[in-house]
Amino acid sequence: MTETATMRVLLLGGTGEARALAAALHPLQPEIEVISSLAGRVPDPALPVGQVRIGGFGGVEGMRRWLRDEGIDAVVDATHPFAETITTHAAQVCAELGLPHLVLARPAWSPGDAIVVASDTEAAEVVAQRGFSRVFLTTGRSGTSAFRGVDAWFLIRAVTEPDAGTLPARHELLLSRGPYDYEGELALLRDHRIDALVTKNSGGDMTQPKLDAAATAGVAVIMVDRPPLPAGVHSVTTVEQARDWVSSLRR
């Protein structure tokens, strides 16, 4: 790549941080061309500025082929902290191709007094063992199946409706998309007489109010810990750090 050539960056997105990074890099065109990639699992997603591709890559081999065919010079992974598969694939392919690779991972929440577990399955076991009866389940559409056999009532909040057959017998489904505010979350917990909140440690400000409301209402929190990042990857925690990393590749 010559000094005057355009550097093509694949931005694995779908998060607020990814959209903010795309906006921060947009003024650097044409020296830096950003292509944002969304998985396509959420209908009517919030789109970043600039070029966007939607859909999967077809595993490791599909991603490797796409990066080569598109002449990608660097990859920034700003996906959700629990998007373990795409993060693992990106790290593997970039290492194989020798591409600069960065993970933008928002800081995790401090668990405080939360019961920290390693998986949705373990969270369901805690709910059952401790006899919680009214549970606010916020682990997303893919996290409901672990709770199907648990004898409790669930208020399930998700962006898109979970697949048929994955829901517990007694539940109410609340389809909504954040951000959420403290007063609204507190009212939700009290109106539904919630005694346990199940959440993933996603971090970030958009859903932090549910933890603050749970603390006020005396609601127990069961928190699914994040999967570890692949060994050896370089990561940052802010959009500004990621922007500076991308810019530094041009120097």
Protein backbone atom coordinates (compact mmCIF):
# COMPACT_ATOMS: atom_id res chain seq x y z
CA MET A 1 0.00 0.00 0.00
CA THR A 2 1.48 3.33 -1.03
CA GLU A 3 1.28 6.50 1.04
CA THR A 4 -1.46 7.90 -1.20
CA ALA A 5 -3.51 4.71 -1.50
CA THR A 6 -6.83 4.35 0.29
CA MET A 7 -6.67 2.12 3.35
CA ARG A 8 -9.73 -0.13 3.55
CA VAL A 9 -10.95 -0.99 7.05
CA LEU A 10 -13.56 -3.58 7.93
CA LEU A 11 -15.51 -2.48 11.01
CA LEU A 12 -17.42 -5.35 12.59
CA GLY A 13 -20.32 -3.53 14.16
CA GLY A 14 -23.87 -3.61 15.42
CA THR A 15 -23.13 -1.63 18.59
CA GLY A 16 -23.33 2.02 19.54
CA GLU A 17 -19.55 2.11 19.80
CA ALA A 18 -19.22 0.81 16.25
CA ARG A 19 -21.57 3.50 14.92
CA ALA A 20 -19.65 6.17 16.82
CA LEU A 21 -16.35 4.89 15.43
CA ALA A 22 -17.70 4.87 11.87
CA ALA A 23 -18.76 8.49 12.35
CA ALA A 24 -15.37 9.42 13.82
CA LEU A 25 -13.52 7.87 10.88
CA HIS A 26 -15.85 9.16 8.18
CA PRO A 27 -14.13 12.58 7.85
CA LEU A 28 -10.85 10.80 7.07
CA GLN A 29 -12.06 9.70 3.65
CA PRO A 30 -10.72 9.07 1.07
CA GLU A 31 -7.48 8.18 2.87
CA ILE A 32 -9.39 5.72 5.09
CA GLU A 33 -12.41 3.87 3.74
CA VAL A 34 -14.56 2.14 6.34
CA ILE A 35 -16.94 -0.71 5.56
CA SER A 36 -19.24 -1.51 8.48
CA SER A 37 -20.51 -5.08 8.74
CA LEU A 38 -23.75 -6.00 10.54
CA ALA A 39 -24.82 -9.56 11.26
CA GLY A 40 -28.38 -8.90 10.06
CA ARG A 41 -30.13 -10.54 13.01
CA VAL A 42 -31.96 -7.40 14.13
CA PRO A 43 -34.75 -6.02 11.92
CA ASP A 44 -34.47 -2.34 11.04
CA PRO A 45 -31.06 -1.87 12.67
CA ALA A 46 -29.59 1.53 13.42
CA LEU A 47 -27.19 2.06 10.53
CA PRO A 48 -23.78 3.73 10.76
CA VAL A 49 -22.59 6.39 8.33
CA GLY A 50 -20.69 5.20 5.29
CA GLN A 51 -20.64 1.86 3.54
CA VAL A 52 -22.54 -1.02 5.15
CA ARG A 53 -22.69 -4.74 4.42
CA ILE A 54 -25.30 -6.91 6.12
CA GLY A 55 -25.07 -10.66 6.72
CA GLY A 56 -22.63 -13.31 7.85
CA PHE A 57 -19.38 -14.25 6.17
CA GLY A 58 -19.84 -18.01 6.12
CA GLY A 59 -17.39 -18.96 8.83
CA VAL A 60 -13.63 -18.65 8.88
CA GLU A 61 -13.12 -19.56 5.24
CA GLY A 62 -15.82 -17.15 4.08
CA MET A 63 -14.33 -14.31 6.06
CA ARG A 64 -10.84 -15.07 4.82
CA ARG A 65 -12.05 -15.03 1.21
CA TRP A 66 -14.06 -11.83 1.68
CA LEU A 67 -11.13 -9.94 3.24
CA ARG A 68 -8.89 -10.96 0.37
CA ASP A 69 -11.43 -10.23 -2.35
CA GLU A 70 -12.22 -6.80 -0.92
CA GLY A 71 -8.59 -5.83 -0.38
CA ILE A 72 -9.10 -5.11 3.34
CA ASP A 73 -6.05 -3.64 5.06
CA ALA A 74 -7.19 -3.72 8.72
CA VAL A 75 -10.05 -5.01 10.88
CA VAL A 76 -11.69 -3.42 13.91
CA ASP A 77 -14.01 -5.67 15.90
CA ALA A 78 -16.56 -3.52 17.73
CA THR A 79 -19.22 -6.22 18.07
CA HIS A 80 -21.17 -7.01 21.23
CA PRO A 81 -19.00 -8.36 24.07
CA PHE A 82 -20.88 -11.67 23.83
CA ALA A 83 -20.49 -12.07 20.05
CA GLU A 84 -17.87 -14.72 20.75
CA THR A 85 -17.98 -16.56 17.43
CA ILE A 86 -17.33 -13.60 15.13
CA THR A 87 -14.65 -12.27 17.49
CA THR A 88 -12.86 -15.61 17.47
CA HIS A 89 -13.11 -15.93 13.70
CA ALA A 90 -11.82 -12.41 13.10
CA ALA A 91 -8.83 -12.93 15.39
CA GLN A 92 -7.93 -16.19 13.66
CA VAL A 93 -8.26 -14.88 10.11
CA CYS A 94 -6.38 -11.65 10.78
CA ALA A 95 -3.54 -13.61 12.36
CA GLU A 96 -3.39 -15.92 9.34
CA LEU A 97 -3.41 -13.04 6.85
CA GLY A 98 -1.14 -10.76 8.88
CA LEU A 99 -3.75 -7.99 8.99
CA PRO A 100 -3.73 -5.33 11.72
CA HIS A 101 -6.56 -6.23 14.07
CA LEU A 102 -8.13 -4.38 17.01
CA VAL A 103 -10.97 -5.20 19.40
CA LEU A 104 -12.99 -2.28 20.73
CA ALA A 105 -14.51 -3.68 23.93
CA ARG A 106 -16.55 -1.38 26.13
CA PRO A 107 -15.62 -1.68 29.82
CA ALA A 108 -17.47 -4.39 31.74
CA TRP A 109 -19.69 -3.51 34.68
CA SER A 110 -18.39 -4.02 38.17
CA PRO A 111 -20.42 -6.98 39.42
CA GLY A 112 -20.74 -5.57 42.93
CA ASP A 113 -23.00 -7.90 44.91
CA ALA A 114 -24.20 -9.74 41.82
CA ILE A 115 -24.06 -13.52 41.61
CA VAL A 116 -21.56 -14.04 38.77
CA VAL A 117 -22.06 -17.10 36.58
CA ALA A 118 -20.34 -18.41 33.47
CA SER A 119 -23.35 -19.14 31.25
CA ASP A 120 -27.10 -18.87 30.74
CA THR A 121 -27.39 -22.47 31.89
CA GLU A 122 -25.64 -21.67 35.17
CA ALA A 123 -27.85 -18.61 35.61
CA ALA A 124 -30.95 -20.80 35.21
CA GLU A 125 -29.58 -23.21 37.81
CA VAL A 126 -29.12 -20.33 40.28
CA VAL A 127 -32.70 -19.14 39.72
CA ALA A 128 -34.01 -22.64 40.39
CA GLN A 129 -31.78 -23.41 43.36
CA ARG A 130 -32.47 -20.13 45.15
CA GLY A 131 -36.20 -20.28 44.54
CA PHE A 132 -36.64 -16.94 42.81
CA SER A 133 -40.24 -16.68 41.66
CA ARG A 134 -40.46 -13.57 39.48
CA VAL A 135 -37.48 -12.99 37.21
CA PHE A 136 -36.58 -10.15 34.86
CA LEU A 137 -34.66 -11.93 32.08
CA THR A 138 -32.57 -9.60 29.88
CA THR A 139 -30.07 -11.94 28.23
CA GLY A 140 -31.52 -11.51 24.72
CA ARG A 141 -33.47 -13.75 22.39
CA SER A 142 -30.78 -16.44 22.33
CA GLY A 143 -30.66 -16.72 26.12
CA THR A 144 -34.20 -17.87 26.86
CA SER A 145 -33.96 -21.59 26.13
CA ALA A 146 -31.84 -22.29 29.23
CA PHE A 147 -34.79 -21.19 31.40
CA ARG A 148 -37.52 -23.31 29.78
CA GLY A 149 -37.65 -25.85 32.60
CA VAL A 150 -37.36 -23.40 35.49
CA ASP A 151 -40.42 -23.13 37.74
CA ALA A 152 -40.71 -19.34 37.88
CA TRP A 153 -42.49 -16.48 36.11
CA PHE A 154 -40.33 -14.48 33.70
CA LEU A 155 -40.55 -10.97 32.31
CA ILE A 156 -38.45 -11.39 29.17
CA ARG A 157 -37.10 -8.31 27.44
CA ALA A 158 -35.53 -8.65 24.00
CA VAL A 159 -35.13 -6.63 20.82
CA THR A 160 -36.55 -9.39 18.62
CA GLU A 161 -38.90 -12.23 19.51
CA PRO A 162 -37.19 -15.47 20.60
CA ASP A 163 -37.70 -18.58 18.51
CA ALA A 164 -40.76 -20.70 19.18
CA GLY A 165 -40.14 -23.40 21.75
CA THR A 166 -37.39 -21.53 23.57
CA LEU A 167 -39.56 -19.72 26.11
CA PRO A 168 -40.37 -20.81 29.67
CA ALA A 169 -43.94 -21.86 30.35
CA ARG A 170 -44.89 -18.81 32.41
CA HIS A 171 -43.71 -15.54 30.96
CA GLU A 172 -44.52 -12.11 29.57
CA LEU A 173 -42.58 -10.94 26.53
CA LEU A 174 -41.51 -7.31 26.28
CA LEU A 175 -40.03 -6.35 22.92
CA SER A 176 -38.08 -3.11 23.17
CA ARG A 177 -34.75 -1.51 22.40
CA GLY A 178 -32.74 0.72 24.75
CA PRO A 179 -31.52 3.06 25.98
CA TYR A 180 -33.47 2.79 29.22
CA ASP A 181 -33.78 5.23 32.12
CA TYR A 182 -33.57 4.62 35.85
CA GLU A 183 -37.11 5.67 36.73
CA GLY A 184 -38.59 3.48 34.04
CA GLU A 185 -36.52 0.47 35.08
CA LEU A 186 -37.42 0.95 38.74
CA ALA A 187 -41.12 1.13 37.90
CA LEU A 188 -40.81 -2.01 35.76
CA LEU A 189 -39.23 -3.97 38.61
CA ARG A 190 -41.79 -2.82 41.16
CA ASP A 191 -44.87 -3.14 38.94
CA HIS A 192 -43.97 -6.75 38.11
CA ARG A 193 -42.82 -7.61 41.66
CA ILE A 194 -39.46 -8.81 40.36
CA ASP A 195 -37.19 -10.60 42.85
CA ALA A 196 -34.27 -11.44 40.52
CA LEU A 197 -32.67 -9.80 37.49
CA VAL A 198 -30.68 -11.95 35.05
CA THR A 199 -28.33 -10.04 32.77
CA LYS A 200 -25.20 -10.46 30.74
CA ASN A 201 -22.23 -8.28 31.69
CA SER A 202 -22.57 -6.23 28.53
CA GLY A 203 -21.21 -3.04 30.07
CA GLY A 204 -22.00 0.42 28.77
CA ASP A 205 -24.41 3.15 29.77
CA MET A 206 -27.43 2.12 27.69
CA THR A 207 -28.63 -0.63 30.04
CA GLN A 208 -26.82 0.36 33.25
CA PRO A 209 -30.07 1.79 34.73
CA LYS A 210 -31.51 -1.69 35.28
CA LEU A 211 -28.63 -2.47 37.65
CA ASP A 212 -29.09 0.83 39.49
CA ALA A 213 -32.83 0.17 39.78
CA ALA A 214 -32.23 -3.38 41.02
CA ALA A 215 -29.96 -2.04 43.76
CA THR A 216 -32.63 0.44 44.87
CA ALA A 217 -35.41 -2.16 44.80
CA GLY A 218 -33.38 -4.85 46.60
CA VAL A 219 -33.61 -7.17 43.60
CA ALA A 220 -30.97 -9.90 43.38
CA VAL A 221 -28.76 -9.73 40.27
CA ILE A 222 -27.44 -12.79 38.45
CA MET A 223 -24.78 -11.70 35.97
CA VAL A 224 -23.39 -13.84 33.16
CA ASP A 225 -19.67 -13.14 32.85
CA ARG A 226 -18.13 -12.19 29.52
CA PRO A 227 -16.30 -14.73 27.41
CA PRO A 228 -12.55 -13.99 27.32
CA LEU A 229 -11.06 -12.35 24.26
CA PRO A 230 -8.92 -14.58 22.04
CA ALA A 231 -5.34 -14.83 23.24
CA GLY A 232 -2.96 -12.21 21.92
CA VAL A 233 -5.48 -9.72 20.52
CA HIS A 234 -4.94 -5.99 21.00
CA SER A 235 -7.94 -4.29 22.60
CA VAL A 236 -9.01 -0.78 23.61
CA THR A 237 -12.02 0.46 25.55
CA THR A 238 -12.96 3.77 23.91
CA VAL A 239 -13.96 5.00 20.48
CA GLU A 240 -11.22 7.64 20.64
CA GLN A 241 -8.54 5.00 21.22
CA ALA A 242 -9.85 2.95 18.31
CA ARG A 243 -9.93 6.00 16.02
CA ASP A 244 -6.35 6.85 16.95
CA TRP A 245 -5.27 3.24 16.30
CA VAL A 246 -6.78 3.27 12.82
CA SER A 247 -5.27 6.68 12.07
CA SER A 248 -1.84 5.49 13.20
CA LEU A 249 -1.84 2.81 10.50
CA ARG A 250 -1.54 5.60 7.91
CA ARG A 251 1.63 7.06 9.44
